[in-house]
Amino acid sequence: MYSTTHSHHLSLHEESILKNIKPEHKILLTFFIVISIAFSDVESLFQITSHILIVFSIVFISKIPLKTYLKRLTIDIPFILFALFLPFLSSENNDVIYTFAGIEIFRTGLMDMFAILFKATLGLTMGIVLTAVTTNIEIIYGLQKLKFPQIIIAIMSFTIRYIDVFIDEFKRVKISMRSRGYKEKGLKTLFPLAYASGAMLIRGYERGERVYLSMLSRGFNGSIELKERKYNNSIILIFLTLVSVIILILDKYL
């Protein structure tokens, strides 16, 4: 059985009340909050304000350092760059609200921009929180408890376990290439790196097959078990999730 202390580069070691919650509960509650954000109306100031307060309250109780949070939030940059062009491109019935130097700004585009910035940023923030307070193995274990398809769980498990192996091996390959005079200058020098990456993929496939057959011969049945551990209940997280869902329902139907 695998210990729940198994960590990875995304999981933080800071103690928070979210750290000791059952992983399946964290995944499920995160899912409900993200869904309520995805279906929220960006024209409703009440929904926007409420969900921002809820999400950043969760960030606060997760005790993620601000620097770490902002660094991981850089994944959101492509969405931000895409959204910034929408006010000039997206229109419905030519709904121009402002013209500057011959450039038209459309109301539909502005609303689309706000929707992407709001939903993508808050959704990504919830993902950052989940991975910061839950290890990789616990996430897989939680998905298993939620009855996800076994083949998906197995693929995720092997991917997580061997991604660090491939990274280390790729570093050794680069060191070996540099010792033989390889220098990264210009696009032409990327071809040897591409060939090395292709060779690593083939070797990785062969290695994965050998490891899988070896695990089967030792009784692996596709399920992951964690050592017994006492989990806590987070009334705060449950409450914030319920508030998020109720806000969406009330604003939609009342």
C-alpha atoms as a PDB file:
ATOM      1  CA  MET A   1       0.000   0.000   0.000  1.00  0.00           C
ATOM      2  CA  TYR A   2       1.144   3.523  -0.702  1.00  0.00           C
ATOM      3  CA  SER A   3       1.657   6.009   2.068  1.00  0.00           C
ATOM      4  CA  THR A   4      -0.387   9.182   2.002  1.00  0.00           C
ATOM      5  CA  THR A   5       2.762  11.132   2.747  1.00  0.00           C
ATOM      6  CA  HIS A   6       3.859  10.654  -0.850  1.00  0.00           C
ATOM      7  CA  SER A   7       4.370  14.150  -2.216  1.00  0.00           C
ATOM      8  CA  HIS A   8       5.014  15.819  -5.526  1.00  0.00           C
ATOM      9  CA  HIS A   9       6.150  19.169  -6.852  1.00  0.00           C
ATOM     10  CA  LEU A  10       2.659  20.718  -6.711  1.00  0.00           C
ATOM     11  CA  SER A  11       1.651  19.631  -3.224  1.00  0.00           C
ATOM     12  CA  LEU A  12       2.689  22.062  -0.479  1.00  0.00           C
ATOM     13  CA  HIS A  13       3.807  21.096   3.000  1.00  0.00           C
ATOM     14  CA  GLU A  14       2.088  23.975   4.800  1.00  0.00           C
ATOM     15  CA  GLU A  15      -0.488  22.732   7.272  1.00  0.00           C
ATOM     16  CA  SER A  16      -4.043  23.831   6.584  1.00  0.00           C
ATOM     17  CA  ILE A  17      -7.486  22.552   7.517  1.00  0.00           C
ATOM     18  CA  LEU A  18      -7.892  21.373   3.917  1.00  0.00           C
ATOM     19  CA  LYS A  19      -4.843  19.105   4.074  1.00  0.00           C
ATOM     20  CA  ASN A  20      -6.491  16.355   6.113  1.00  0.00           C
ATOM     21  CA  ILE A  21      -9.842  16.165   4.337  1.00  0.00           C
ATOM     22  CA  LYS A  22     -10.745  13.013   2.425  1.00  0.00           C
ATOM     23  CA  PRO A  23      -9.434  13.427  -1.145  1.00  0.00           C
ATOM     24  CA  GLU A  24     -12.732  12.335  -2.711  1.00  0.00           C
ATOM     25  CA  HIS A  25     -14.521  15.052  -0.748  1.00  0.00           C
ATOM     26  CA  LYS A  26     -12.050  17.706  -1.902  1.00  0.00           C
ATOM     27  CA  ILE A  27     -12.391  16.642  -5.530  1.00  0.00           C
ATOM     28  CA  LEU A  28     -16.185  16.594  -5.354  1.00  0.00           C
ATOM     29  CA  LEU A  29     -16.503  19.945  -3.597  1.00  0.00           C
ATOM     30  CA  THR A  30     -14.009  21.535  -5.996  1.00  0.00           C
ATOM     31  CA  PHE A  31     -16.022  20.171  -8.908  1.00  0.00           C
ATOM     32  CA  PHE A  32     -19.258  21.717  -7.618  1.00  0.00           C
ATOM     33  CA  ILE A  33     -17.639  25.104  -7.073  1.00  0.00           C
ATOM     34  CA  VAL A  34     -16.063  25.110 -10.550  1.00  0.00           C
ATOM     35  CA  ILE A  35     -19.408  24.115 -12.101  1.00  0.00           C
ATOM     36  CA  SER A  36     -21.203  26.917 -10.272  1.00  0.00           C
ATOM     37  CA  ILE A  37     -18.559  29.365 -11.515  1.00  0.00           C
ATOM     38  CA  ALA A  38     -18.813  28.051 -15.083  1.00  0.00           C
ATOM     39  CA  PHE A  39     -22.594  28.521 -15.172  1.00  0.00           C
ATOM     40  CA  SER A  40     -22.616  31.876 -13.385  1.00  0.00           C
ATOM     41  CA  ASP A  41     -23.788  35.016 -15.165  1.00  0.00           C
ATOM     42  CA  VAL A  42     -21.014  37.575 -15.594  1.00  0.00           C
ATOM     43  CA  GLU A  43     -23.616  40.327 -15.900  1.00  0.00           C
ATOM     44  CA  SER A  44     -24.714  39.630 -12.329  1.00  0.00           C
ATOM     45  CA  LEU A  45     -22.562  41.646  -9.927  1.00  0.00           C
ATOM     46  CA  PHE A  46     -23.941  39.564  -7.050  1.00  0.00           C
ATOM     47  CA  GLN A  47     -22.714  36.295  -8.558  1.00  0.00           C
ATOM     48  CA  ILE A  48     -19.314  37.696  -9.525  1.00  0.00           C
ATOM     49  CA  THR A  49     -18.657  39.227  -6.112  1.00  0.00           C
ATOM     50  CA  SER A  50     -19.934  36.185  -4.219  1.00  0.00           C
ATOM     51  CA  HIS A  51     -17.841  33.666  -6.165  1.00  0.00           C
ATOM     52  CA  ILE A  52     -14.706  35.820  -5.892  1.00  0.00           C
ATOM     53  CA  LEU A  53     -15.155  36.008  -2.111  1.00  0.00           C
ATOM     54  CA  ILE A  54     -15.813  32.261  -1.886  1.00  0.00           C
ATOM     55  CA  VAL A  55     -12.819  31.231  -3.982  1.00  0.00           C
ATOM     56  CA  PHE A  56     -10.341  33.537  -2.277  1.00  0.00           C
ATOM     57  CA  SER A  57     -11.663  32.528   1.131  1.00  0.00           C
ATOM     58  CA  ILE A  58     -10.705  28.971   0.170  1.00  0.00           C
ATOM     59  CA  VAL A  59      -7.289  30.193  -1.011  1.00  0.00           C
ATOM     60  CA  PHE A  60      -6.832  31.902   2.354  1.00  0.00           C
ATOM     61  CA  ILE A  61      -7.679  28.843   4.470  1.00  0.00           C
ATOM     62  CA  SER A  62      -5.499  26.649   2.228  1.00  0.00           C
ATOM     63  CA  LYS A  63      -2.474  28.731   3.337  1.00  0.00           C
ATOM     64  CA  ILE A  64      -0.923  28.846  -0.129  1.00  0.00           C
ATOM     65  CA  PRO A  65       1.881  31.444  -0.188  1.00  0.00           C
ATOM     66  CA  LEU A  66       0.994  34.420  -2.379  1.00  0.00           C
ATOM     67  CA  LYS A  67       4.192  34.073  -4.419  1.00  0.00           C
ATOM     68  CA  THR A  68       3.452  30.401  -5.123  1.00  0.00           C
ATOM     69  CA  TYR A  69      -0.145  31.162  -6.061  1.00  0.00           C
ATOM     70  CA  LEU A  70       0.832  33.939  -8.485  1.00  0.00           C
ATOM     71  CA  LYS A  71       3.555  31.781 -10.040  1.00  0.00           C
ATOM     72  CA  ARG A  72       1.106  28.950 -10.725  1.00  0.00           C
ATOM     73  CA  LEU A  73      -1.511  31.403 -11.959  1.00  0.00           C
ATOM     74  CA  THR A  74       0.750  32.243 -14.920  1.00  0.00           C
ATOM     75  CA  ILE A  75      -0.905  29.298 -16.690  1.00  0.00           C
ATOM     76  CA  ASP A  76      -3.820  31.711 -17.089  1.00  0.00           C
ATOM     77  CA  ILE A  77      -1.786  34.090 -19.294  1.00  0.00           C
ATOM     78  CA  PRO A  78      -2.812  32.502 -22.667  1.00  0.00           C
ATOM     79  CA  PHE A  79      -6.489  32.850 -21.712  1.00  0.00           C
ATOM     80  CA  ILE A  80      -5.925  36.472 -20.698  1.00  0.00           C
ATOM     81  CA  LEU A  81      -4.156  37.299 -23.965  1.00  0.00           C
ATOM     82  CA  PHE A  82      -6.930  35.643 -25.977  1.00  0.00           C
ATOM     83  CA  ALA A  83      -9.627  37.458 -23.984  1.00  0.00           C
ATOM     84  CA  LEU A  84      -8.047  40.882 -24.537  1.00  0.00           C
ATOM     85  CA  PHE A  85      -8.709  40.641 -28.291  1.00  0.00           C
ATOM     86  CA  LEU A  86     -12.382  39.746 -27.960  1.00  0.00           C
ATOM     87  CA  PRO A  87     -13.772  43.313 -27.473  1.00  0.00           C
ATOM     88  CA  PHE A  88     -12.463  44.164 -30.954  1.00  0.00           C
ATOM     89  CA  LEU A  89     -13.564  40.942 -32.671  1.00  0.00           C
ATOM     90  CA  SER A  90     -16.683  39.469 -31.089  1.00  0.00           C
ATOM     91  CA  SER A  91     -19.951  41.245 -31.908  1.00  0.00           C
ATOM     92  CA  GLU A  92     -23.654  40.532 -32.066  1.00  0.00           C
ATOM     93  CA  ASN A  93     -25.810  42.736 -34.315  1.00  0.00           C
ATOM     94  CA  ASN A  94     -22.909  45.203 -34.538  1.00  0.00           C
ATOM     95  CA  ASP A  95     -23.340  46.318 -30.884  1.00  0.00           C
ATOM     96  CA  VAL A  96     -20.602  48.962 -30.891  1.00  0.00           C
ATOM     97  CA  ILE A  97     -20.280  50.848 -27.603  1.00  0.00           C
ATOM     98  CA  TYR A  98     -17.144  52.892 -28.334  1.00  0.00           C
ATOM     99  CA  THR A  99     -14.947  53.817 -31.266  1.00  0.00           C
ATOM    100  CA  PHE A 100     -11.366  54.996 -30.895  1.00  0.00           C
ATOM    101  CA  ALA A 101      -9.132  55.883 -33.867  1.00  0.00           C
ATOM    102  CA  GLY A 102     -11.325  53.825 -36.156  1.00  0.00           C
ATOM    103  CA  ILE A 103     -11.191  50.786 -33.868  1.00  0.00           C
ATOM    104  CA  GLU A 104     -14.593  49.575 -32.698  1.00  0.00           C
ATOM    105  CA  ILE A 105     -15.211  48.024 -29.291  1.00  0.00           C
ATOM    106  CA  PHE A 106     -18.216  45.703 -29.084  1.00  0.00           C
ATOM    107  CA  ARG A 107     -20.361  45.058 -26.018  1.00  0.00           C
ATOM    108  CA  THR A 108     -20.597  41.318 -26.764  1.00  0.00           C
ATOM    109  CA  GLY A 109     -16.818  41.113 -26.958  1.00  0.00           C
ATOM    110  CA  LEU A 110     -16.435  42.905 -23.639  1.00  0.00           C
ATOM    111  CA  MET A 111     -18.826  40.501 -21.933  1.00  0.00           C
ATOM    112  CA  ASP A 112     -17.026  37.524 -23.479  1.00  0.00           C
ATOM    113  CA  MET A 113     -13.722  38.932 -22.222  1.00  0.00           C
ATOM    114  CA  PHE A 114     -15.059  39.350 -18.692  1.00  0.00           C
ATOM    115  CA  ALA A 115     -16.533  35.838 -18.789  1.00  0.00           C
ATOM    116  CA  ILE A 116     -13.218  34.246 -19.788  1.00  0.00           C
ATOM    117  CA  LEU A 117     -11.159  36.283 -17.300  1.00  0.00           C
ATOM    118  CA  PHE A 118     -13.589  35.601 -14.463  1.00  0.00           C
ATOM    119  CA  LYS A 119     -14.327  31.929 -15.067  1.00  0.00           C
ATOM    120  CA  ALA A 120     -10.877  30.832 -16.218  1.00  0.00           C
ATOM    121  CA  THR A 121      -9.080  32.599 -13.366  1.00  0.00           C
ATOM    122  CA  LEU A 122     -11.377  31.356 -10.606  1.00  0.00           C
ATOM    123  CA  GLY A 123     -11.552  27.840 -12.069  1.00  0.00           C
ATOM    124  CA  LEU A 124      -7.772  27.686 -12.313  1.00  0.00           C
ATOM    125  CA  THR A 125      -7.494  29.010  -8.759  1.00  0.00           C
ATOM    126  CA  MET A 126      -9.610  26.117  -7.490  1.00  0.00           C
ATOM    127  CA  GLY A 127      -7.350  23.712  -9.391  1.00  0.00           C
ATOM    128  CA  ILE A 128      -4.291  25.313  -7.790  1.00  0.00           C
ATOM    129  CA  VAL A 129      -5.818  24.899  -4.338  1.00  0.00           C
ATOM    130  CA  LEU A 130      -6.732  21.263  -4.953  1.00  0.00           C
ATOM    131  CA  THR A 131      -3.245  20.297  -6.148  1.00  0.00           C
ATOM    132  CA  ALA A 132      -1.606  22.298  -3.356  1.00  0.00           C
ATOM    133  CA  VAL A 133      -3.454  20.542  -0.515  1.00  0.00           C
ATOM    134  CA  THR A 134      -3.698  17.070  -2.096  1.00  0.00           C
ATOM    135  CA  THR A 135      -0.882  14.826  -3.287  1.00  0.00           C
ATOM    136  CA  ASN A 136      -0.971  13.070  -6.650  1.00  0.00           C
ATOM    137  CA  ILE A 137      -1.582   9.672  -5.101  1.00  0.00           C
ATOM    138  CA  GLU A 138      -4.428  11.039  -2.979  1.00  0.00           C
ATOM    139  CA  ILE A 139      -6.079  12.590  -6.041  1.00  0.00           C
ATOM    140  CA  ILE A 140      -5.933   9.237  -7.847  1.00  0.00           C
ATOM    141  CA  TYR A 141      -7.230   7.497  -4.720  1.00  0.00           C
ATOM    142  CA  GLY A 142     -10.071  10.032  -4.507  1.00  0.00           C
ATOM    143  CA  LEU A 143     -11.035   9.459  -8.141  1.00  0.00           C
ATOM    144  CA  GLN A 144     -11.038   5.744  -7.441  1.00  0.00           C
ATOM    145  CA  LYS A 145     -13.405   6.295  -4.511  1.00  0.00           C
ATOM    146  CA  LEU A 146     -15.651   8.351  -6.808  1.00  0.00           C
ATOM    147  CA  LYS A 147     -15.874   5.321  -9.140  1.00  0.00           C
ATOM    148  CA  PHE A 148     -14.016   6.816 -12.092  1.00  0.00           C
ATOM    149  CA  PRO A 149     -13.283   4.331 -14.917  1.00  0.00           C
ATOM    150  CA  GLN A 150     -10.428   2.081 -13.845  1.00  0.00           C
ATOM    151  CA  ILE A 151      -8.522   2.505 -17.113  1.00  0.00           C
ATOM    152  CA  ILE A 152      -8.363   6.297 -16.659  1.00  0.00           C
ATOM    153  CA  ILE A 153      -7.116   5.905 -13.093  1.00  0.00           C
ATOM    154  CA  ALA A 154      -4.453   3.408 -14.196  1.00  0.00           C
ATOM    155  CA  ILE A 155      -3.217   5.724 -16.967  1.00  0.00           C
ATOM    156  CA  MET A 156      -3.055   8.693 -14.572  1.00  0.00           C
ATOM    157  CA  SER A 157      -1.262   6.607 -11.964  1.00  0.00           C
ATOM    158  CA  PHE A 158       1.464   5.422 -14.346  1.00  0.00           C
ATOM    159  CA  THR A 159       1.823   8.903 -15.865  1.00  0.00           C
ATOM    160  CA  ILE A 160       2.338  10.542 -12.485  1.00  0.00           C
ATOM    161  CA  ARG A 161       4.735   7.873 -11.278  1.00  0.00           C
ATOM    162  CA  TYR A 162       7.006   7.965 -14.322  1.00  0.00           C
ATOM    163  CA  ILE A 163       6.925  11.603 -15.366  1.00  0.00           C
ATOM    164  CA  ASP A 164       9.778  12.382 -12.940  1.00  0.00           C
ATOM    165  CA  VAL A 165      11.704   9.387 -14.300  1.00  0.00           C
ATOM    166  CA  PHE A 166      11.457  10.749 -17.844  1.00  0.00           C
ATOM    167  CA  ILE A 167      12.442  14.246 -16.718  1.00  0.00           C
ATOM    168  CA  ASP A 168      15.549  12.920 -14.980  1.00  0.00           C
ATOM    169  CA  GLU A 169      16.460  10.766 -17.966  1.00  0.00           C
ATOM    170  CA  PHE A 170      15.985  13.698 -20.351  1.00  0.00           C
ATOM    171  CA  LYS A 171      18.347  15.774 -18.191  1.00  0.00           C
ATOM    172  CA  ARG A 172      20.948  12.997 -18.400  1.00  0.00           C
ATOM    173  CA  VAL A 173      20.520  12.855 -22.188  1.00  0.00           C
ATOM    174  CA  LYS A 174      21.107  16.621 -22.461  1.00  0.00           C
ATOM    175  CA  ILE A 175      24.212  16.390 -20.276  1.00  0.00           C
ATOM    176  CA  SER A 176      25.507  13.552 -22.457  1.00  0.00           C
ATOM    177  CA  MET A 177      24.858  15.580 -25.626  1.00  0.00           C
ATOM    178  CA  ARG A 178      26.633  18.635 -24.219  1.00  0.00           C
ATOM    179  CA  SER A 179      29.642  16.515 -23.252  1.00  0.00           C
ATOM    180  CA  ARG A 180      29.857  15.585 -26.946  1.00  0.00           C
ATOM    181  CA  GLY A 181      29.850  19.206 -28.078  1.00  0.00           C
ATOM    182  CA  TYR A 182      26.124  19.907 -28.471  1.00  0.00           C
ATOM    183  CA  LYS A 183      25.119  23.551 -28.016  1.00  0.00           C
ATOM    184  CA  GLU A 184      21.610  25.001 -28.130  1.00  0.00           C
ATOM    185  CA  LYS A 185      21.951  27.822 -30.641  1.00  0.00           C
ATOM    186  CA  GLY A 186      19.275  28.501 -33.216  1.00  0.00           C
ATOM    187  CA  LEU A 187      16.522  26.325 -34.611  1.00  0.00           C
ATOM    188  CA  LYS A 188      18.856  23.918 -36.424  1.00  0.00           C
ATOM    189  CA  THR A 189      20.334  22.735 -33.133  1.00  0.00           C
ATOM    190  CA  LEU A 190      16.869  21.637 -31.992  1.00  0.00           C
ATOM    191  CA  PHE A 191      16.829  18.714 -34.460  1.00  0.00           C
ATOM    192  CA  PRO A 192      19.190  16.518 -32.375  1.00  0.00           C
ATOM    193  CA  LEU A 193      17.035  17.288 -29.346  1.00  0.00           C
ATOM    194  CA  ALA A 194      13.917  16.231 -31.272  1.00  0.00           C
ATOM    195  CA  TYR A 195      15.569  12.947 -32.325  1.00  0.00           C
ATOM    196  CA  ALA A 196      16.614  12.281 -28.718  1.00  0.00           C
ATOM    197  CA  SER A 197      13.047  12.986 -27.533  1.00  0.00           C
ATOM    198  CA  GLY A 198      11.655  10.525 -30.086  1.00  0.00           C
ATOM    199  CA  ALA A 199      14.081   7.838 -28.959  1.00  0.00           C
ATOM    200  CA  MET A 200      13.063   8.481 -25.344  1.00  0.00           C
ATOM    201  CA  LEU A 201       9.382   8.057 -26.209  1.00  0.00           C
ATOM    202  CA  ILE A 202      10.035   4.670 -27.786  1.00  0.00           C
ATOM    203  CA  ARG A 203      12.177   3.586 -24.852  1.00  0.00           C
ATOM    204  CA  GLY A 204       9.500   4.884 -22.464  1.00  0.00           C
ATOM    205  CA  TYR A 205       6.821   2.799 -24.174  1.00  0.00           C
ATOM    206  CA  GLU A 206       8.968  -0.326 -23.961  1.00  0.00           C
ATOM    207  CA  ARG A 207       9.845   0.351 -20.340  1.00  0.00           C
ATOM    208  CA  GLY A 208       6.210   0.989 -19.430  1.00  0.00           C
ATOM    209  CA  GLU A 209       5.166  -2.309 -20.988  1.00  0.00           C
ATOM    210  CA  ARG A 210       7.845  -4.194 -19.064  1.00  0.00           C
ATOM    211  CA  VAL A 211       6.912  -2.510 -15.786  1.00  0.00           C
ATOM    212  CA  TYR A 212       3.199  -3.194 -16.309  1.00  0.00           C
ATOM    213  CA  LEU A 213       3.797  -6.889 -17.034  1.00  0.00           C
ATOM    214  CA  SER A 214       6.041  -7.071 -14.001  1.00  0.00           C
ATOM    215  CA  MET A 215       3.326  -5.513 -11.820  1.00  0.00           C
ATOM    216  CA  LEU A 216       0.719  -7.938 -13.151  1.00  0.00           C
ATOM    217  CA  SER A 217       2.971 -10.868 -12.294  1.00  0.00           C
ATOM    218  CA  ARG A 218       3.137  -9.532  -8.722  1.00  0.00           C
ATOM    219  CA  GLY A 219      -0.630  -9.354  -8.310  1.00  0.00           C
ATOM    220  CA  PHE A 220      -1.452  -5.784  -9.391  1.00  0.00           C
ATOM    221  CA  ASN A 221      -5.211  -5.521 -10.042  1.00  0.00           C
ATOM    222  CA  GLY A 222      -5.432  -1.857 -11.058  1.00  0.00           C
ATOM    223  CA  SER A 223      -6.542  -0.492  -7.697  1.00  0.00           C
ATOM    224  CA  ILE A 224      -4.592   1.779  -5.374  1.00  0.00           C
ATOM    225  CA  GLU A 225      -4.762   1.500  -1.607  1.00  0.00           C
ATOM    226  CA  LEU A 226      -3.547   4.035   0.920  1.00  0.00           C
ATOM    227  CA  LYS A 227      -2.391   3.359   4.430  1.00  0.00           C
ATOM    228  CA  GLU A 228      -5.078   3.880   7.038  1.00  0.00           C
ATOM    229  CA  ARG A 229      -5.259   7.512   8.024  1.00  0.00           C
ATOM    230  CA  LYS A 230      -7.693   9.589  10.014  1.00  0.00           C
ATOM    231  CA  TYR A 231      -9.340  12.265   7.910  1.00  0.00           C
ATOM    232  CA  ASN A 232     -11.186  15.321   9.163  1.00  0.00           C
ATOM    233  CA  ASN A 233     -14.325  17.036   7.939  1.00  0.00           C
ATOM    234  CA  SER A 234     -14.137  20.665   6.846  1.00  0.00           C
ATOM    235  CA  ILE A 235     -17.368  22.424   7.706  1.00  0.00           C
ATOM    236  CA  ILE A 236     -15.984  25.621   6.163  1.00  0.00           C
ATOM    237  CA  LEU A 237     -15.338  24.045   2.748  1.00  0.00           C
ATOM    238  CA  ILE A 238     -18.717  22.304   2.727  1.00  0.00           C
ATOM    239  CA  PHE A 239     -20.428  25.561   3.708  1.00  0.00           C
ATOM    240  CA  LEU A 240     -18.653  27.600   1.015  1.00  0.00           C
ATOM    241  CA  THR A 241     -19.516  24.972  -1.603  1.00  0.00           C
ATOM    242  CA  LEU A 242     -23.186  24.998  -0.623  1.00  0.00           C
ATOM    243  CA  VAL A 243     -23.215  28.804  -0.697  1.00  0.00           C
ATOM    244  CA  SER A 244     -21.669  28.792  -4.178  1.00  0.00           C
ATOM    245  CA  VAL A 245     -24.275  26.373  -5.542  1.00  0.00           C
ATOM    246  CA  ILE A 246     -27.184  28.133  -3.785  1.00  0.00           C
ATOM    247  CA  ILE A 247     -26.088  31.510  -5.149  1.00  0.00           C
ATOM    248  CA  LEU A 248     -26.136  30.093  -8.676  1.00  0.00           C
ATOM    249  CA  ILE A 249     -29.568  28.523  -8.222  1.00  0.00           C
ATOM    250  CA  LEU A 250     -31.141  31.595  -6.604  1.00  0.00           C
ATOM    251  CA  ASP A 251     -29.777  33.982  -9.215  1.00  0.00           C
ATOM    252  CA  LYS A 252     -30.861  31.699 -12.063  1.00  0.00           C
ATOM    253  CA  TYR A 253     -34.388  30.958 -11.014  1.00  0.00           C
ATOM    254  CA  LEU A 254     -35.465  33.826  -8.762  1.00  0.00           C
END
